[in-house]
N, C-alpha and C. Protein backbone atom coordinates (compact mmCIF):
# COMPACT_ATOMS: atom_id res chain seq x y z
N UNK A 1 -24.01 5.10 -16.28
CA UNK A 1 -22.75 5.84 -16.23
C UNK A 1 -21.69 5.00 -15.52
N UNK A 2 -20.43 5.13 -15.93
CA UNK A 2 -19.37 4.39 -15.25
C UNK A 2 -19.15 4.92 -13.85
N UNK A 3 -18.51 4.11 -13.04
CA UNK A 3 -18.21 4.53 -11.68
C UNK A 3 -17.27 5.74 -11.71
N UNK A 4 -17.62 6.78 -10.98
CA UNK A 4 -16.81 8.00 -10.96
C UNK A 4 -15.84 7.97 -9.78
N UNK A 5 -14.60 8.22 -10.06
CA UNK A 5 -13.58 8.24 -9.01
C UNK A 5 -13.41 9.67 -8.50
N UNK A 6 -13.38 9.83 -7.18
CA UNK A 6 -13.20 11.17 -6.62
C UNK A 6 -11.71 11.51 -6.58
N UNK A 7 -11.40 12.79 -6.56
CA UNK A 7 -10.01 13.24 -6.65
C UNK A 7 -9.14 12.76 -5.49
N UNK A 8 -9.62 12.81 -4.23
CA UNK A 8 -8.76 12.29 -3.14
C UNK A 8 -8.38 10.82 -3.35
N UNK A 9 -9.35 10.00 -3.81
CA UNK A 9 -9.04 8.60 -4.05
C UNK A 9 -8.08 8.45 -5.22
N UNK A 10 -8.26 9.27 -6.24
CA UNK A 10 -7.35 9.21 -7.39
C UNK A 10 -5.93 9.53 -6.96
N UNK A 11 -5.77 10.56 -6.11
CA UNK A 11 -4.43 10.90 -5.63
C UNK A 11 -3.87 9.77 -4.78
N UNK A 12 -4.73 9.13 -4.01
CA UNK A 12 -4.29 7.99 -3.18
C UNK A 12 -3.79 6.85 -4.06
N UNK A 13 -4.53 6.52 -5.10
CA UNK A 13 -4.11 5.46 -6.02
C UNK A 13 -2.79 5.82 -6.70
N UNK A 14 -2.66 7.09 -7.08
CA UNK A 14 -1.42 7.53 -7.72
C UNK A 14 -0.23 7.38 -6.77
N UNK A 15 -0.47 7.59 -5.48
CA UNK A 15 0.61 7.47 -4.50
C UNK A 15 1.07 6.02 -4.34
N UNK A 16 0.23 5.06 -4.73
CA UNK A 16 0.57 3.65 -4.58
C UNK A 16 1.21 3.05 -5.82
N UNK A 17 1.16 3.78 -6.94
CA UNK A 17 1.47 3.14 -8.21
C UNK A 17 2.92 2.69 -8.33
N UNK A 18 3.83 3.27 -7.52
CA UNK A 18 5.22 2.83 -7.60
C UNK A 18 5.45 1.49 -6.92
N UNK A 19 4.56 1.13 -5.98
CA UNK A 19 4.73 -0.11 -5.24
C UNK A 19 3.70 -1.17 -5.63
N UNK A 20 2.58 -0.75 -6.19
CA UNK A 20 1.49 -1.68 -6.47
C UNK A 20 1.03 -1.54 -7.91
N UNK A 21 1.41 -2.50 -8.74
CA UNK A 21 1.03 -2.43 -10.15
C UNK A 21 -0.48 -2.48 -10.32
N UNK A 22 -1.19 -3.07 -9.32
CA UNK A 22 -2.63 -3.16 -9.45
C UNK A 22 -3.29 -1.79 -9.26
N UNK A 23 -2.66 -0.90 -8.54
CA UNK A 23 -3.18 0.46 -8.42
C UNK A 23 -3.11 1.17 -9.77
N UNK A 24 -2.05 0.94 -10.51
CA UNK A 24 -1.93 1.50 -11.85
C UNK A 24 -3.05 0.96 -12.74
N UNK A 25 -3.29 -0.34 -12.65
CA UNK A 25 -4.34 -0.95 -13.46
C UNK A 25 -5.70 -0.35 -13.15
N UNK A 26 -5.96 -0.10 -11.88
CA UNK A 26 -7.24 0.51 -11.50
C UNK A 26 -7.38 1.90 -12.12
N UNK A 27 -6.33 2.69 -12.06
CA UNK A 27 -6.38 4.03 -12.65
C UNK A 27 -6.64 3.95 -14.15
N UNK A 28 -6.00 3.01 -14.83
CA UNK A 28 -6.20 2.87 -16.27
C UNK A 28 -7.63 2.46 -16.58
N UNK A 29 -8.20 1.58 -15.77
CA UNK A 29 -9.58 1.17 -16.00
C UNK A 29 -10.54 2.33 -15.79
N UNK A 30 -10.27 3.12 -14.75
CA UNK A 30 -11.10 4.30 -14.51
C UNK A 30 -11.06 5.24 -15.71
N UNK A 31 -9.86 5.52 -16.18
CA UNK A 31 -9.67 6.53 -17.23
C UNK A 31 -10.27 6.10 -18.56
N UNK A 32 -10.38 4.79 -18.80
CA UNK A 32 -10.92 4.30 -20.07
C UNK A 32 -12.36 3.79 -19.92
N UNK A 33 -12.98 4.03 -18.74
CA UNK A 33 -14.36 3.61 -18.48
C UNK A 33 -14.56 2.11 -18.70
N UNK A 34 -13.54 1.32 -18.37
CA UNK A 34 -13.63 -0.13 -18.53
C UNK A 34 -13.63 -0.83 -17.17
N UNK A 35 -14.06 -0.12 -16.12
CA UNK A 35 -14.11 -0.72 -14.80
C UNK A 35 -15.41 -1.50 -14.66
N UNK A 36 -15.33 -2.81 -14.75
CA UNK A 36 -16.48 -3.69 -14.60
C UNK A 36 -16.16 -4.70 -13.52
N UNK A 37 -17.16 -5.49 -13.15
CA UNK A 37 -16.92 -6.50 -12.13
C UNK A 37 -15.84 -7.49 -12.57
N UNK A 38 -15.86 -7.86 -13.86
CA UNK A 38 -14.90 -8.83 -14.35
C UNK A 38 -13.48 -8.28 -14.32
N UNK A 39 -13.31 -6.99 -14.65
CA UNK A 39 -11.96 -6.43 -14.64
C UNK A 39 -11.52 -6.05 -13.23
N UNK A 40 -12.48 -5.74 -12.38
CA UNK A 40 -12.16 -5.26 -11.03
C UNK A 40 -11.84 -6.40 -10.06
N UNK A 41 -12.54 -7.54 -10.21
CA UNK A 41 -12.44 -8.61 -9.21
C UNK A 41 -11.02 -9.10 -8.96
N UNK A 42 -10.22 -9.42 -10.00
CA UNK A 42 -8.86 -9.89 -9.71
C UNK A 42 -8.00 -8.83 -9.03
N UNK A 43 -8.22 -7.56 -9.37
CA UNK A 43 -7.46 -6.48 -8.75
C UNK A 43 -7.89 -6.33 -7.29
N UNK A 44 -9.18 -6.41 -7.08
CA UNK A 44 -9.75 -6.33 -5.72
C UNK A 44 -9.16 -7.44 -4.85
N UNK A 45 -9.14 -8.66 -5.37
CA UNK A 45 -8.63 -9.79 -4.60
C UNK A 45 -7.15 -9.63 -4.30
N UNK A 46 -6.36 -9.18 -5.27
CA UNK A 46 -4.93 -9.04 -5.05
C UNK A 46 -4.62 -7.93 -4.05
N UNK A 47 -5.30 -6.81 -4.15
CA UNK A 47 -5.04 -5.71 -3.22
C UNK A 47 -5.48 -6.08 -1.80
N UNK A 48 -6.58 -6.84 -1.68
CA UNK A 48 -6.98 -7.31 -0.35
C UNK A 48 -5.89 -8.21 0.23
N UNK A 49 -5.33 -9.07 -0.63
CA UNK A 49 -4.28 -9.99 -0.18
C UNK A 49 -3.05 -9.21 0.27
N UNK A 50 -2.68 -8.19 -0.50
CA UNK A 50 -1.51 -7.38 -0.14
C UNK A 50 -1.75 -6.64 1.17
N UNK A 51 -2.97 -6.13 1.34
CA UNK A 51 -3.27 -5.40 2.56
C UNK A 51 -3.21 -6.31 3.77
N UNK A 52 -3.74 -7.54 3.63
CA UNK A 52 -3.75 -8.46 4.76
C UNK A 52 -2.33 -8.93 5.11
N UNK A 53 -1.51 -9.13 4.09
CA UNK A 53 -0.14 -9.57 4.35
C UNK A 53 0.69 -8.46 4.99
N UNK A 54 0.44 -7.21 4.57
CA UNK A 54 1.23 -6.12 5.12
C UNK A 54 0.75 -5.70 6.50
N UNK A 55 -0.55 -5.94 6.77
CA UNK A 55 -1.10 -5.53 8.05
C UNK A 55 -1.28 -4.02 8.18
N UNK A 56 -1.05 -3.29 7.08
CA UNK A 56 -1.16 -1.84 7.15
C UNK A 56 -2.63 -1.42 7.11
N UNK A 57 -3.08 -0.55 8.03
CA UNK A 57 -4.49 -0.17 8.08
C UNK A 57 -4.87 0.85 7.00
N UNK A 58 -5.12 0.38 5.81
CA UNK A 58 -5.48 1.27 4.71
C UNK A 58 -6.96 1.64 4.81
N UNK A 59 -7.28 2.62 5.64
CA UNK A 59 -8.68 3.00 5.80
C UNK A 59 -9.31 3.41 4.48
N UNK A 60 -8.58 4.21 3.71
CA UNK A 60 -9.13 4.63 2.42
C UNK A 60 -9.29 3.44 1.49
N UNK A 61 -8.38 2.48 1.59
CA UNK A 61 -8.48 1.26 0.78
C UNK A 61 -9.83 0.58 1.01
N UNK A 62 -10.19 0.38 2.27
CA UNK A 62 -11.45 -0.30 2.56
C UNK A 62 -12.65 0.50 2.05
N UNK A 63 -12.66 1.80 2.31
CA UNK A 63 -13.78 2.63 1.88
C UNK A 63 -13.93 2.57 0.36
N UNK A 64 -12.83 2.77 -0.33
CA UNK A 64 -12.87 2.79 -1.79
C UNK A 64 -13.22 1.42 -2.38
N UNK A 65 -12.49 0.38 -1.97
CA UNK A 65 -12.68 -0.93 -2.58
C UNK A 65 -14.08 -1.47 -2.33
N UNK A 66 -14.58 -1.33 -1.11
CA UNK A 66 -15.90 -1.85 -0.82
C UNK A 66 -16.98 -1.05 -1.55
N UNK A 67 -16.78 0.24 -1.68
CA UNK A 67 -17.73 1.09 -2.39
C UNK A 67 -17.82 0.67 -3.86
N UNK A 68 -16.66 0.53 -4.50
CA UNK A 68 -16.64 0.14 -5.91
C UNK A 68 -17.20 -1.27 -6.07
N UNK A 69 -16.75 -2.18 -5.22
CA UNK A 69 -17.18 -3.57 -5.34
C UNK A 69 -18.69 -3.69 -5.20
N UNK A 70 -19.26 -2.99 -4.22
CA UNK A 70 -20.70 -3.04 -4.01
C UNK A 70 -21.45 -2.47 -5.20
N UNK A 71 -20.95 -1.36 -5.73
CA UNK A 71 -21.64 -0.73 -6.84
C UNK A 71 -21.58 -1.61 -8.09
N UNK A 72 -20.44 -2.21 -8.35
CA UNK A 72 -20.33 -3.09 -9.50
C UNK A 72 -21.11 -4.39 -9.28
N UNK A 73 -21.07 -4.89 -8.06
CA UNK A 73 -21.70 -6.17 -7.75
C UNK A 73 -23.21 -6.10 -7.99
N UNK A 74 -23.81 -4.99 -7.61
CA UNK A 74 -25.26 -4.86 -7.78
C UNK A 74 -25.62 -4.16 -9.08
N UNK A 75 -24.59 -3.86 -9.92
CA UNK A 75 -24.83 -3.39 -11.27
C UNK A 75 -25.78 -2.18 -11.29
N UNK A 76 -25.40 -1.11 -10.57
CA UNK A 76 -26.29 0.03 -10.42
C UNK A 76 -26.55 0.76 -11.73
N UNK A 77 -25.64 0.66 -12.68
CA UNK A 77 -25.89 1.38 -13.92
C UNK A 77 -26.83 0.61 -14.85
N UNK A 78 -27.11 -0.65 -14.52
CA UNK A 78 -28.09 -1.41 -15.28
C UNK A 78 -27.71 -1.71 -16.71
N UNK A 79 -26.44 -1.58 -17.07
CA UNK A 79 -26.06 -1.72 -18.47
C UNK A 79 -25.46 -3.07 -18.82
N UNK A 80 -25.08 -3.85 -17.82
CA UNK A 80 -24.37 -5.10 -18.11
C UNK A 80 -25.34 -6.28 -18.18
N UNK A 81 -25.50 -6.91 -19.33
CA UNK A 81 -26.36 -8.09 -19.42
C UNK A 81 -25.70 -9.27 -18.72
N UNK A 82 -26.52 -10.22 -18.30
CA UNK A 82 -25.97 -11.42 -17.66
C UNK A 82 -25.37 -12.31 -18.73
N UNK A 83 -24.12 -12.70 -18.52
CA UNK A 83 -23.43 -13.59 -19.44
C UNK A 83 -22.94 -14.81 -18.68
N UNK A 84 -22.91 -15.93 -19.37
CA UNK A 84 -22.38 -17.15 -18.77
C UNK A 84 -20.89 -17.24 -19.02
N UNK A 85 -20.15 -17.53 -17.96
CA UNK A 85 -18.71 -17.69 -18.06
C UNK A 85 -18.34 -19.08 -17.56
N UNK A 86 -17.28 -19.62 -18.13
CA UNK A 86 -16.75 -20.90 -17.68
C UNK A 86 -15.26 -20.75 -17.43
N UNK A 87 -14.70 -21.70 -16.70
CA UNK A 87 -13.27 -21.69 -16.44
C UNK A 87 -12.53 -22.13 -17.70
N UNK A 88 -11.46 -21.45 -18.01
CA UNK A 88 -10.61 -21.83 -19.14
C UNK A 88 -9.74 -23.01 -18.71
N UNK A 89 -10.11 -24.21 -19.16
CA UNK A 89 -9.39 -25.41 -18.72
C UNK A 89 -7.91 -25.37 -19.09
N UNK A 90 -7.60 -24.74 -20.23
CA UNK A 90 -6.21 -24.71 -20.68
C UNK A 90 -5.33 -23.87 -19.76
N UNK A 91 -5.95 -22.96 -19.01
CA UNK A 91 -5.17 -22.07 -18.15
C UNK A 91 -5.30 -22.42 -16.67
N UNK A 92 -5.96 -23.53 -16.38
CA UNK A 92 -6.20 -23.88 -14.98
C UNK A 92 -4.96 -24.49 -14.36
N UNK A 93 -4.70 -24.13 -13.12
CA UNK A 93 -3.61 -24.71 -12.37
C UNK A 93 -4.13 -25.58 -11.24
N UNK A 94 -3.25 -25.93 -10.33
CA UNK A 94 -3.62 -26.77 -9.20
C UNK A 94 -3.72 -25.97 -7.91
N UNK A 95 -3.65 -24.66 -8.02
CA UNK A 95 -3.60 -23.84 -6.81
C UNK A 95 -4.92 -23.83 -6.06
N UNK A 96 -4.82 -23.89 -4.75
CA UNK A 96 -5.97 -23.64 -3.89
C UNK A 96 -5.88 -22.20 -3.40
N UNK A 97 -7.03 -21.55 -3.32
CA UNK A 97 -7.09 -20.19 -2.81
C UNK A 97 -7.67 -20.24 -1.40
N UNK A 98 -7.14 -19.41 -0.53
CA UNK A 98 -7.55 -19.53 0.87
C UNK A 98 -7.77 -18.18 1.52
N UNK A 99 -8.51 -18.23 2.61
CA UNK A 99 -8.68 -17.04 3.44
C UNK A 99 -8.78 -17.49 4.90
N UNK A 100 -8.05 -16.79 5.73
CA UNK A 100 -8.10 -17.02 7.17
C UNK A 100 -8.81 -15.84 7.81
N UNK A 101 -9.95 -16.13 8.42
CA UNK A 101 -10.70 -15.08 9.12
C UNK A 101 -10.52 -15.27 10.61
N UNK A 102 -9.91 -14.28 11.24
CA UNK A 102 -9.71 -14.37 12.68
C UNK A 102 -9.86 -12.99 13.31
N UNK A 103 -10.60 -12.93 14.37
CA UNK A 103 -10.77 -11.69 15.12
C UNK A 103 -10.65 -12.01 16.61
N UNK A 104 -10.28 -11.03 17.37
CA UNK A 104 -10.15 -11.23 18.81
C UNK A 104 -10.50 -9.94 19.53
N UNK A 105 -11.34 -10.06 20.54
CA UNK A 105 -11.68 -8.94 21.41
C UNK A 105 -11.43 -9.38 22.84
N UNK A 106 -11.76 -8.50 23.77
CA UNK A 106 -11.56 -8.85 25.19
C UNK A 106 -12.49 -9.96 25.62
N UNK A 107 -13.62 -10.12 24.91
CA UNK A 107 -14.62 -11.08 25.36
C UNK A 107 -14.74 -12.31 24.47
N UNK A 108 -14.25 -12.23 23.22
CA UNK A 108 -14.42 -13.39 22.34
C UNK A 108 -13.34 -13.42 21.27
N UNK A 109 -13.21 -14.59 20.68
CA UNK A 109 -12.30 -14.78 19.56
C UNK A 109 -12.99 -15.62 18.51
N UNK A 110 -12.77 -15.28 17.23
CA UNK A 110 -13.37 -16.05 16.14
C UNK A 110 -12.27 -16.51 15.18
N UNK A 111 -12.48 -17.71 14.62
CA UNK A 111 -11.46 -18.29 13.75
C UNK A 111 -12.12 -19.17 12.71
N UNK A 112 -11.80 -18.92 11.45
CA UNK A 112 -12.26 -19.76 10.35
C UNK A 112 -11.25 -19.71 9.22
N UNK A 113 -10.90 -20.84 8.66
CA UNK A 113 -9.86 -20.91 7.63
C UNK A 113 -10.30 -21.91 6.57
N UNK A 114 -10.43 -21.43 5.32
CA UNK A 114 -10.90 -22.28 4.23
C UNK A 114 -9.96 -22.18 3.04
N UNK A 115 -9.61 -23.31 2.46
CA UNK A 115 -8.86 -23.37 1.21
C UNK A 115 -9.75 -24.06 0.17
N UNK A 116 -9.85 -23.46 -1.01
CA UNK A 116 -10.70 -24.04 -2.04
C UNK A 116 -10.09 -23.87 -3.42
N UNK A 117 -10.58 -24.68 -4.35
CA UNK A 117 -10.14 -24.62 -5.73
C UNK A 117 -11.37 -24.72 -6.63
N UNK A 118 -11.42 -23.89 -7.67
CA UNK A 118 -12.47 -23.99 -8.67
C UNK A 118 -11.94 -24.84 -9.83
N UNK A 119 -12.68 -25.89 -10.18
CA UNK A 119 -12.27 -26.77 -11.27
C UNK A 119 -13.43 -26.89 -12.26
N UNK A 120 -13.08 -27.26 -13.48
CA UNK A 120 -14.10 -27.39 -14.53
C UNK A 120 -14.98 -28.61 -14.28
N UNK A 121 -16.27 -28.44 -14.48
CA UNK A 121 -17.26 -29.52 -14.36
C UNK A 121 -18.22 -29.39 -15.55
N UNK A 122 -17.79 -29.85 -16.73
CA UNK A 122 -18.58 -29.64 -17.95
C UNK A 122 -20.02 -30.11 -17.80
N UNK A 123 -20.94 -29.29 -18.30
CA UNK A 123 -22.35 -29.65 -18.27
C UNK A 123 -23.10 -29.19 -17.04
N UNK A 124 -22.40 -28.79 -16.00
CA UNK A 124 -23.07 -28.36 -14.77
C UNK A 124 -23.63 -26.95 -14.94
N UNK A 125 -24.92 -26.78 -14.70
CA UNK A 125 -25.53 -25.46 -14.80
C UNK A 125 -25.45 -24.71 -13.47
N UNK A 126 -25.25 -25.44 -12.39
CA UNK A 126 -25.03 -24.85 -11.08
C UNK A 126 -23.71 -25.36 -10.53
N UNK A 127 -23.09 -24.54 -9.70
CA UNK A 127 -21.79 -24.94 -9.15
C UNK A 127 -21.93 -26.18 -8.28
N UNK A 128 -21.09 -27.16 -8.54
CA UNK A 128 -21.05 -28.39 -7.76
C UNK A 128 -20.03 -28.24 -6.62
N UNK A 129 -20.10 -29.14 -5.66
CA UNK A 129 -19.20 -29.06 -4.51
C UNK A 129 -18.58 -30.42 -4.24
N UNK A 130 -17.35 -30.39 -3.74
CA UNK A 130 -16.67 -31.62 -3.35
C UNK A 130 -15.83 -31.33 -2.11
N UNK A 131 -15.94 -32.21 -1.14
CA UNK A 131 -15.21 -32.06 0.13
C UNK A 131 -13.96 -32.94 0.07
N UNK A 132 -12.80 -32.31 -0.08
CA UNK A 132 -11.54 -33.06 -0.15
C UNK A 132 -10.57 -32.56 0.93
N UNK A 133 -11.11 -32.21 2.07
CA UNK A 133 -10.26 -31.78 3.18
C UNK A 133 -9.56 -33.00 3.75
N UNK A 134 -8.24 -33.04 3.69
CA UNK A 134 -7.53 -34.25 4.16
C UNK A 134 -7.67 -34.42 5.67
N UNK A 135 -7.86 -35.64 6.13
CA UNK A 135 -7.94 -35.88 7.57
C UNK A 135 -6.57 -35.65 8.21
N UNK A 136 -6.58 -35.38 9.48
CA UNK A 136 -5.33 -35.15 10.19
C UNK A 136 -5.46 -35.66 11.61
N UNK A 137 -4.36 -36.20 12.12
CA UNK A 137 -4.35 -36.62 13.52
C UNK A 137 -4.37 -35.42 14.45
N UNK A 138 -3.99 -34.27 13.92
CA UNK A 138 -4.04 -33.03 14.69
C UNK A 138 -5.32 -32.30 14.31
N UNK A 139 -6.33 -32.21 15.18
CA UNK A 139 -7.62 -31.63 14.83
C UNK A 139 -7.53 -30.19 14.29
N UNK A 140 -6.56 -29.42 14.72
CA UNK A 140 -6.47 -28.04 14.27
C UNK A 140 -6.00 -27.92 12.83
N UNK A 141 -5.53 -29.01 12.24
CA UNK A 141 -4.99 -28.98 10.87
C UNK A 141 -6.02 -29.38 9.82
N UNK A 142 -7.28 -29.47 10.20
CA UNK A 142 -8.33 -29.84 9.26
C UNK A 142 -9.60 -29.06 9.61
N UNK A 143 -10.66 -29.28 8.85
CA UNK A 143 -11.95 -28.64 9.12
C UNK A 143 -12.96 -29.74 9.43
N UNK A 144 -13.65 -29.67 10.54
CA UNK A 144 -14.71 -30.66 10.80
C UNK A 144 -15.76 -30.61 9.70
N UNK A 145 -16.18 -31.77 9.23
CA UNK A 145 -17.15 -31.81 8.13
C UNK A 145 -18.49 -31.18 8.50
N UNK A 146 -18.73 -30.96 9.79
CA UNK A 146 -19.97 -30.31 10.21
C UNK A 146 -20.09 -28.90 9.65
N UNK A 147 -18.95 -28.30 9.28
CA UNK A 147 -18.98 -26.95 8.72
C UNK A 147 -19.16 -26.95 7.20
N UNK A 148 -19.23 -28.13 6.59
CA UNK A 148 -19.38 -28.19 5.13
C UNK A 148 -20.63 -27.45 4.64
N UNK A 149 -21.82 -27.64 5.24
CA UNK A 149 -23.01 -26.95 4.71
C UNK A 149 -22.88 -25.43 4.71
N UNK A 150 -22.33 -24.85 5.76
CA UNK A 150 -22.23 -23.39 5.81
C UNK A 150 -21.19 -22.89 4.81
N UNK A 151 -20.14 -23.67 4.57
CA UNK A 151 -19.13 -23.29 3.58
C UNK A 151 -19.72 -23.36 2.18
N UNK A 152 -20.44 -24.44 1.87
CA UNK A 152 -21.07 -24.57 0.56
C UNK A 152 -22.07 -23.42 0.33
N UNK A 153 -22.86 -23.12 1.36
CA UNK A 153 -23.87 -22.07 1.22
C UNK A 153 -23.22 -20.71 0.99
N UNK A 154 -22.11 -20.44 1.67
CA UNK A 154 -21.42 -19.16 1.49
C UNK A 154 -20.89 -19.02 0.08
N UNK A 155 -20.33 -20.10 -0.47
CA UNK A 155 -19.81 -20.06 -1.84
C UNK A 155 -20.94 -19.84 -2.83
N UNK A 156 -22.03 -20.59 -2.67
CA UNK A 156 -23.17 -20.46 -3.58
C UNK A 156 -23.76 -19.05 -3.53
N UNK A 157 -23.87 -18.49 -2.33
CA UNK A 157 -24.41 -17.15 -2.18
C UNK A 157 -23.54 -16.11 -2.86
N UNK A 158 -22.22 -16.24 -2.70
CA UNK A 158 -21.31 -15.29 -3.33
C UNK A 158 -21.36 -15.40 -4.85
N UNK A 159 -21.44 -16.61 -5.38
CA UNK A 159 -21.53 -16.78 -6.83
C UNK A 159 -22.85 -16.22 -7.36
N UNK A 160 -23.92 -16.28 -6.56
CA UNK A 160 -25.18 -15.66 -6.95
C UNK A 160 -25.03 -14.15 -7.05
N UNK A 161 -24.24 -13.56 -6.14
CA UNK A 161 -24.01 -12.12 -6.20
C UNK A 161 -23.27 -11.75 -7.48
N UNK A 162 -22.31 -12.58 -7.89
CA UNK A 162 -21.64 -12.34 -9.16
C UNK A 162 -22.64 -12.40 -10.30
N UNK A 163 -23.56 -13.35 -10.25
CA UNK A 163 -24.55 -13.49 -11.32
C UNK A 163 -25.44 -12.26 -11.41
N UNK A 164 -25.81 -11.67 -10.27
CA UNK A 164 -26.62 -10.46 -10.27
C UNK A 164 -25.91 -9.31 -10.97
N UNK A 165 -24.60 -9.34 -10.97
CA UNK A 165 -23.83 -8.26 -11.59
C UNK A 165 -23.55 -8.52 -13.06
N UNK A 166 -23.97 -9.67 -13.57
CA UNK A 166 -23.77 -9.95 -14.98
C UNK A 166 -22.78 -11.06 -15.26
N UNK A 167 -22.20 -11.67 -14.23
CA UNK A 167 -21.20 -12.72 -14.41
C UNK A 167 -21.71 -14.00 -13.76
N UNK A 168 -22.23 -14.91 -14.57
CA UNK A 168 -22.74 -16.17 -14.05
C UNK A 168 -21.75 -17.29 -14.39
N UNK A 169 -21.23 -17.96 -13.37
CA UNK A 169 -20.26 -19.03 -13.57
C UNK A 169 -21.00 -20.34 -13.79
N UNK A 170 -20.69 -21.04 -14.90
CA UNK A 170 -21.32 -22.33 -15.19
C UNK A 170 -20.22 -23.35 -15.43
N UNK A 171 -20.62 -24.62 -15.35
CA UNK A 171 -19.65 -25.69 -15.62
C UNK A 171 -18.48 -25.71 -14.67
N UNK A 172 -18.75 -25.50 -13.39
CA UNK A 172 -17.65 -25.42 -12.42
C UNK A 172 -17.99 -26.21 -11.16
N UNK A 173 -16.93 -26.58 -10.46
CA UNK A 173 -17.07 -27.26 -9.17
C UNK A 173 -16.13 -26.62 -8.18
N UNK A 174 -16.62 -26.37 -6.98
CA UNK A 174 -15.79 -25.83 -5.90
C UNK A 174 -15.32 -26.99 -5.05
N UNK A 175 -14.01 -27.18 -5.02
CA UNK A 175 -13.42 -28.25 -4.22
C UNK A 175 -12.84 -27.65 -2.95
N UNK A 176 -13.34 -28.07 -1.81
CA UNK A 176 -12.79 -27.61 -0.54
C UNK A 176 -11.59 -28.49 -0.24
N UNK A 177 -10.39 -27.90 -0.38
CA UNK A 177 -9.18 -28.73 -0.35
C UNK A 177 -8.39 -28.59 0.95
N UNK A 178 -8.88 -27.82 1.91
CA UNK A 178 -8.15 -27.73 3.17
C UNK A 178 -8.64 -26.58 4.01
N UNK A 179 -7.93 -26.36 5.10
CA UNK A 179 -8.28 -25.31 6.05
C UNK A 179 -7.78 -25.71 7.42
N UNK A 180 -8.24 -25.00 8.39
CA UNK A 180 -7.83 -25.33 9.75
C UNK A 180 -8.95 -24.97 10.72
N UNK A 181 -8.73 -25.30 11.98
CA UNK A 181 -9.81 -25.26 12.97
C UNK A 181 -9.23 -24.87 14.33
N UNK A 182 -10.00 -24.08 15.06
CA UNK A 182 -9.64 -23.76 16.45
C UNK A 182 -10.71 -24.34 17.36
N UNK A 183 -10.36 -25.14 18.34
CA UNK A 183 -11.37 -25.83 19.15
C UNK A 183 -12.27 -24.91 19.95
N UNK A 184 -11.84 -23.69 20.20
CA UNK A 184 -12.65 -22.76 20.98
C UNK A 184 -13.25 -21.67 20.10
N UNK A 185 -12.45 -21.12 19.19
CA UNK A 185 -12.86 -19.91 18.45
C UNK A 185 -13.59 -20.18 17.14
N UNK A 186 -13.52 -21.39 16.62
CA UNK A 186 -14.15 -21.66 15.34
C UNK A 186 -15.66 -21.78 15.49
N UNK A 187 -16.39 -21.08 14.61
CA UNK A 187 -17.85 -21.19 14.58
C UNK A 187 -18.31 -20.89 13.16
N UNK A 188 -19.60 -21.08 12.91
CA UNK A 188 -20.13 -21.06 11.54
C UNK A 188 -19.87 -19.74 10.83
N UNK A 189 -20.09 -18.62 11.50
CA UNK A 189 -19.95 -17.32 10.85
C UNK A 189 -18.53 -17.11 10.34
N UNK A 190 -17.54 -17.54 11.10
CA UNK A 190 -16.15 -17.36 10.67
C UNK A 190 -15.85 -18.16 9.42
N UNK A 191 -16.40 -19.38 9.32
CA UNK A 191 -16.19 -20.16 8.11
C UNK A 191 -16.96 -19.59 6.93
N UNK A 192 -18.10 -18.96 7.21
CA UNK A 192 -18.85 -18.30 6.14
C UNK A 192 -18.04 -17.16 5.55
N UNK A 193 -17.44 -16.32 6.41
CA UNK A 193 -16.62 -15.21 5.94
C UNK A 193 -15.40 -15.73 5.18
N UNK A 194 -14.74 -16.74 5.74
CA UNK A 194 -13.54 -17.28 5.11
C UNK A 194 -13.85 -17.86 3.73
N UNK A 195 -14.95 -18.59 3.61
CA UNK A 195 -15.32 -19.19 2.33
C UNK A 195 -15.69 -18.13 1.31
N UNK A 196 -16.38 -17.08 1.75
CA UNK A 196 -16.76 -16.00 0.84
C UNK A 196 -15.54 -15.33 0.26
N UNK A 197 -14.57 -15.01 1.08
CA UNK A 197 -13.36 -14.35 0.59
C UNK A 197 -12.52 -15.30 -0.25
N UNK A 198 -12.48 -16.57 0.12
CA UNK A 198 -11.69 -17.53 -0.66
C UNK A 198 -12.24 -17.67 -2.08
N UNK A 199 -13.57 -17.67 -2.23
CA UNK A 199 -14.12 -17.78 -3.58
C UNK A 199 -13.90 -16.49 -4.35
N UNK A 200 -13.88 -15.34 -3.67
CA UNK A 200 -13.52 -14.09 -4.35
C UNK A 200 -12.11 -14.19 -4.93
N UNK A 201 -11.18 -14.70 -4.14
CA UNK A 201 -9.80 -14.86 -4.60
C UNK A 201 -9.73 -15.86 -5.76
N UNK A 202 -10.51 -16.94 -5.64
CA UNK A 202 -10.48 -17.96 -6.69
C UNK A 202 -11.02 -17.41 -8.01
N UNK A 203 -12.11 -16.64 -7.96
CA UNK A 203 -12.64 -16.02 -9.18
C UNK A 203 -11.63 -15.03 -9.73
N UNK A 204 -11.03 -14.27 -8.82
CA UNK A 204 -10.04 -13.28 -9.25
C UNK A 204 -8.83 -13.91 -9.90
N UNK A 205 -8.46 -15.12 -9.46
CA UNK A 205 -7.27 -15.76 -10.00
C UNK A 205 -7.55 -16.67 -11.18
N UNK A 206 -8.85 -16.84 -11.54
CA UNK A 206 -9.19 -17.73 -12.64
C UNK A 206 -9.22 -16.97 -13.96
N UNK A 207 -8.98 -17.69 -15.03
CA UNK A 207 -9.17 -17.12 -16.37
C UNK A 207 -10.53 -17.60 -16.86
N UNK A 208 -11.42 -16.67 -17.11
CA UNK A 208 -12.79 -17.00 -17.50
C UNK A 208 -13.00 -16.77 -18.99
N UNK A 209 -13.83 -17.59 -19.59
CA UNK A 209 -14.18 -17.43 -20.99
C UNK A 209 -15.69 -17.35 -21.13
N UNK A 210 -16.18 -16.57 -22.06
CA UNK A 210 -17.61 -16.45 -22.31
C UNK A 210 -18.08 -17.69 -23.05
N UNK A 211 -19.21 -18.24 -22.59
CA UNK A 211 -19.79 -19.43 -23.24
C UNK A 211 -21.22 -19.12 -23.68
């Protein structure tokens, strides 16, 4: 069965439709039973980006988006076969997608910032990786290469989750093209979160074709 939207959430989405075209798209997908991971991911990424830029605490946004994303990600209805997708080279740009993960409490602060780009790598059955973080005389303007393994692992893990839902990316390479570093607050977990969200944005912003 398709994901069922509850009435309070539907009214909430309707209240956003004048300001957020992606809310309208979500309603249309719900109404036509075409809400899948492939159709949801770019909307999910864009709304997360809008929420982070606005800083507005959309509690219902988090509850709804994470609920739908989790349900689609693990393919609870069991109806979607696994398909191989590749990046549409004709529609690829030069944009890097990024996520800055930062939290602060009275006792600790965490900081991780990753910029990445998905590029075509014909013939690759598994996602390849390339470290192209430019060096900088200012340490905070780059990422220490010691964090490369945890960033690669986070990207690979997230792409595996997409595969479990029926969307397997092939013939692609993840290029880590930048980021930043905090000498006190940066640690592995923060870069893991940042890389995971950055690849979500990259998948959401890519045009995929079935192969």
